[in-house]
Amino acid sequence: MTKKFIENINREVESCKEVIKKYFNKPLIMTKENELDFQNSTSCHICEKEYSDRDNFIMKKGKMIEIKNHPVRDHCHITGKYHGSANNCCNLQLRLDPEKLKIPVIFHNLKGYDSHFIIKKLEKNTNISVIANNFEKYITFKIDNQQFIDSLQFMSSSLDRLVSYLP
């Protein structure tokens, strides 16, 4: 039963990745006002530093190296919405890789019961990292890009009681 559950979770994660890929690289949408903002910008909207020619050089192994740290149009890769003018280095640090995004898997009372069964059924070569209370109770764990978390840690009532509050 647990093995079937893990297979189903993996199938859902692959489905989530496909959705992310489908909607991820939406092109930049620039209005005339956005373009005017970009052209008149004198500082990065991320780090708030003013642009200067000094920013195009970094010290690496005792040598000054020129980098491409020019102003770029920072935007959301899902909606295409322009965020503001940013220097290239700041913008690249905010880049999201759809393959590396964590997919949350939420359980109610994961720490108390279910996590033990899941961990026991994993194959030996599975890439897993764990934050544990003890050998049988796990606060959270990550399998590849799936982040398993316990909703009971955020809501201290049973699901039955929480549902009873709904109209």
Protein backbone atom coordinates (compact mmCIF):
# COMPACT_ATOMS: atom_id res chain seq x y z
CA MET A 1 0.00 0.00 0.00
CA THR A 2 2.79 2.46 0.91
CA LYS A 3 4.73 1.62 -2.23
CA LYS A 4 1.65 2.38 -4.35
CA PHE A 5 1.26 5.68 -2.47
CA ILE A 6 4.89 6.65 -3.22
CA GLU A 7 4.37 5.80 -6.92
CA ASN A 8 1.25 8.01 -6.99
CA ILE A 9 3.06 10.89 -5.27
CA ASN A 10 5.88 10.64 -7.83
CA ARG A 11 3.33 10.71 -10.65
CA GLU A 12 1.72 13.84 -9.14
CA VAL A 13 5.13 15.52 -8.81
CA GLU A 14 5.87 14.86 -12.48
CA SER A 15 2.49 16.35 -13.35
CA CYS A 16 3.30 19.45 -11.27
CA LYS A 17 6.66 19.79 -13.05
CA GLU A 18 4.91 19.67 -16.44
CA VAL A 19 2.52 22.44 -15.37
CA ILE A 20 5.45 24.54 -14.13
CA LYS A 21 7.35 24.04 -17.39
CA LYS A 22 4.26 24.87 -19.45
CA TYR A 23 3.68 28.22 -17.74
CA PHE A 24 7.23 29.07 -16.78
CA ASN A 25 9.01 31.03 -19.52
CA LYS A 26 6.38 33.58 -20.38
CA PRO A 27 7.96 36.45 -22.34
CA LEU A 28 8.42 39.88 -20.82
CA ILE A 29 5.41 42.18 -21.11
CA MET A 30 6.54 45.83 -21.29
CA THR A 31 4.20 48.80 -21.37
CA LYS A 32 5.38 52.23 -22.51
CA GLU A 33 5.49 53.26 -18.83
CA ASN A 34 7.64 50.19 -17.99
CA GLU A 35 10.09 51.01 -20.78
CA LEU A 36 10.26 54.63 -19.65
CA ASP A 37 10.91 53.45 -16.08
CA PHE A 38 13.70 51.19 -17.30
CA GLN A 39 15.33 53.89 -19.44
CA ASN A 40 15.26 56.42 -16.58
CA SER A 41 16.36 54.01 -13.86
CA THR A 42 19.61 54.82 -12.07
CA SER A 43 19.59 51.97 -9.53
CA CYS A 44 18.81 48.29 -9.19
CA HIS A 45 15.35 47.67 -7.75
CA ILE A 46 16.64 44.50 -6.01
CA CYS A 47 19.77 45.68 -4.14
CA GLU A 48 18.94 49.40 -4.47
CA LYS A 49 22.54 50.26 -5.43
CA GLU A 50 23.06 52.95 -8.05
CA TYR A 51 24.48 51.75 -11.34
CA SER A 52 28.13 52.49 -11.99
CA ASP A 53 30.90 51.30 -14.28
CA ARG A 54 32.70 49.86 -11.22
CA ASP A 55 29.98 47.20 -10.95
CA ASN A 56 31.24 45.63 -14.16
CA PHE A 57 34.43 44.38 -12.50
CA ILE A 58 35.02 41.80 -9.78
CA MET A 59 38.19 40.62 -8.06
CA LYS A 60 38.84 36.92 -8.73
CA LYS A 61 42.07 35.19 -7.66
CA GLY A 62 43.78 38.55 -7.25
CA LYS A 63 42.83 39.80 -10.74
CA MET A 64 40.20 42.28 -11.86
CA ILE A 65 37.80 40.54 -14.22
CA GLU A 66 35.16 42.28 -16.31
CA ILE A 67 31.66 40.88 -16.02
CA LYS A 68 28.44 41.75 -17.76
CA ASN A 69 26.65 43.55 -14.93
CA HIS A 70 24.59 45.93 -17.02
CA PRO A 71 20.98 46.93 -16.23
CA VAL A 72 18.40 44.36 -17.35
CA ARG A 73 14.61 44.18 -17.34
CA ASP A 74 13.67 41.99 -14.37
CA HIS A 75 10.32 40.25 -14.79
CA CYS A 76 8.20 37.37 -13.53
CA HIS A 77 8.77 34.29 -15.69
CA ILE A 78 5.27 33.01 -14.95
CA THR A 79 3.15 36.13 -15.62
CA GLY A 80 5.58 38.09 -17.81
CA LYS A 81 5.03 41.18 -15.63
CA TYR A 82 7.91 43.67 -15.50
CA HIS A 83 9.29 44.15 -11.96
CA GLY A 84 11.88 46.84 -12.56
CA SER A 85 15.39 47.63 -13.66
CA ALA A 86 18.01 45.38 -12.07
CA ASN A 87 21.70 44.79 -12.50
CA ASN A 88 22.45 41.52 -14.26
CA CYS A 89 24.10 39.86 -11.22
CA CYS A 90 21.11 40.48 -8.91
CA ASN A 91 18.70 39.35 -11.59
CA LEU A 92 20.58 36.09 -12.20
CA GLN A 93 20.62 35.32 -8.47
CA LEU A 94 16.81 35.45 -8.42
CA ARG A 95 16.45 33.06 -11.35
CA LEU A 96 14.22 30.07 -10.70
CA ASP A 97 15.01 26.68 -12.17
CA PRO A 98 11.76 24.72 -12.64
CA GLU A 99 13.67 21.45 -12.23
CA LYS A 100 14.93 22.49 -8.77
CA LEU A 101 11.70 23.88 -7.31
CA LYS A 102 10.55 22.15 -4.14
CA ILE A 103 7.14 20.51 -4.43
CA PRO A 104 5.38 20.51 -1.03
CA VAL A 105 3.69 17.28 0.07
CA ILE A 106 1.52 18.10 3.07
CA PHE A 107 0.35 15.52 5.62
CA HIS A 108 -1.68 16.05 8.75
CA ASN A 109 0.22 14.38 11.62
CA LEU A 110 3.13 13.32 9.40
CA LYS A 111 5.46 13.41 12.40
CA GLY A 112 3.20 11.20 14.48
CA TYR A 113 2.58 8.27 12.19
CA ASP A 114 2.76 8.31 8.39
CA SER A 115 6.36 9.39 7.89
CA HIS A 116 7.70 6.21 9.43
CA PHE A 117 5.94 4.04 6.83
CA ILE A 118 7.10 6.19 3.92
CA ILE A 119 10.74 6.22 5.02
CA LYS A 120 10.72 2.43 5.56
CA LYS A 121 9.50 1.77 1.99
CA LEU A 122 12.03 3.98 0.21
CA GLU A 123 14.68 2.31 -1.89
CA LYS A 124 18.19 2.32 -0.45
CA ASN A 125 19.66 4.67 -3.09
CA THR A 126 16.99 7.37 -2.62
CA ASN A 127 18.31 10.92 -2.13
CA ILE A 128 16.74 11.94 1.20
CA SER A 129 17.41 14.55 3.87
CA VAL A 130 15.60 14.45 7.21
CA ILE A 131 14.94 16.68 10.20
CA ALA A 132 13.99 14.20 12.90
CA ASN A 133 12.76 14.25 16.50
CA ASN A 134 14.00 10.69 16.90
CA PHE A 135 14.50 7.55 14.77
CA GLU A 136 10.79 7.13 14.13
CA LYS A 137 9.36 10.66 14.20
CA TYR A 138 10.35 13.09 11.46
CA ILE A 139 9.48 16.79 11.55
CA THR A 140 10.10 17.12 7.83
CA PHE A 141 11.98 15.30 5.12
CA LYS A 142 12.92 15.91 1.53
CA ILE A 143 13.03 13.23 -1.17
CA ASP A 144 14.58 14.61 -4.35
CA ASN A 145 12.54 17.80 -4.86
CA GLN A 146 9.54 16.71 -2.76
CA GLN A 147 9.37 18.47 0.61
CA PHE A 148 7.17 16.52 3.06
CA ILE A 149 5.76 18.70 5.83
CA ASP A 150 3.34 18.17 8.70
CA SER A 151 0.31 20.49 8.71
CA LEU A 152 -0.37 19.54 12.35
CA GLN A 153 2.64 21.67 13.31
CA PHE A 154 0.75 24.71 11.96
CA MET A 155 -2.77 23.70 13.05
CA SER A 156 -2.90 22.01 16.42
CA SER A 157 -6.35 20.43 16.04
CA SER A 158 -7.43 17.22 14.39
CA LEU A 159 -8.72 17.35 10.83
CA ASP A 160 -12.15 16.33 12.12
CA ARG A 161 -12.29 19.35 14.41
CA LEU A 162 -10.91 21.72 11.77
CA VAL A 163 -13.52 20.55 9.24
CA SER A 164 -16.31 21.05 11.79
CA TYR A 165 -15.54 24.81 11.75
CA LEU A 166 -16.43 25.02 8.05
CA PRO A 167 -19.99 26.14 7.17
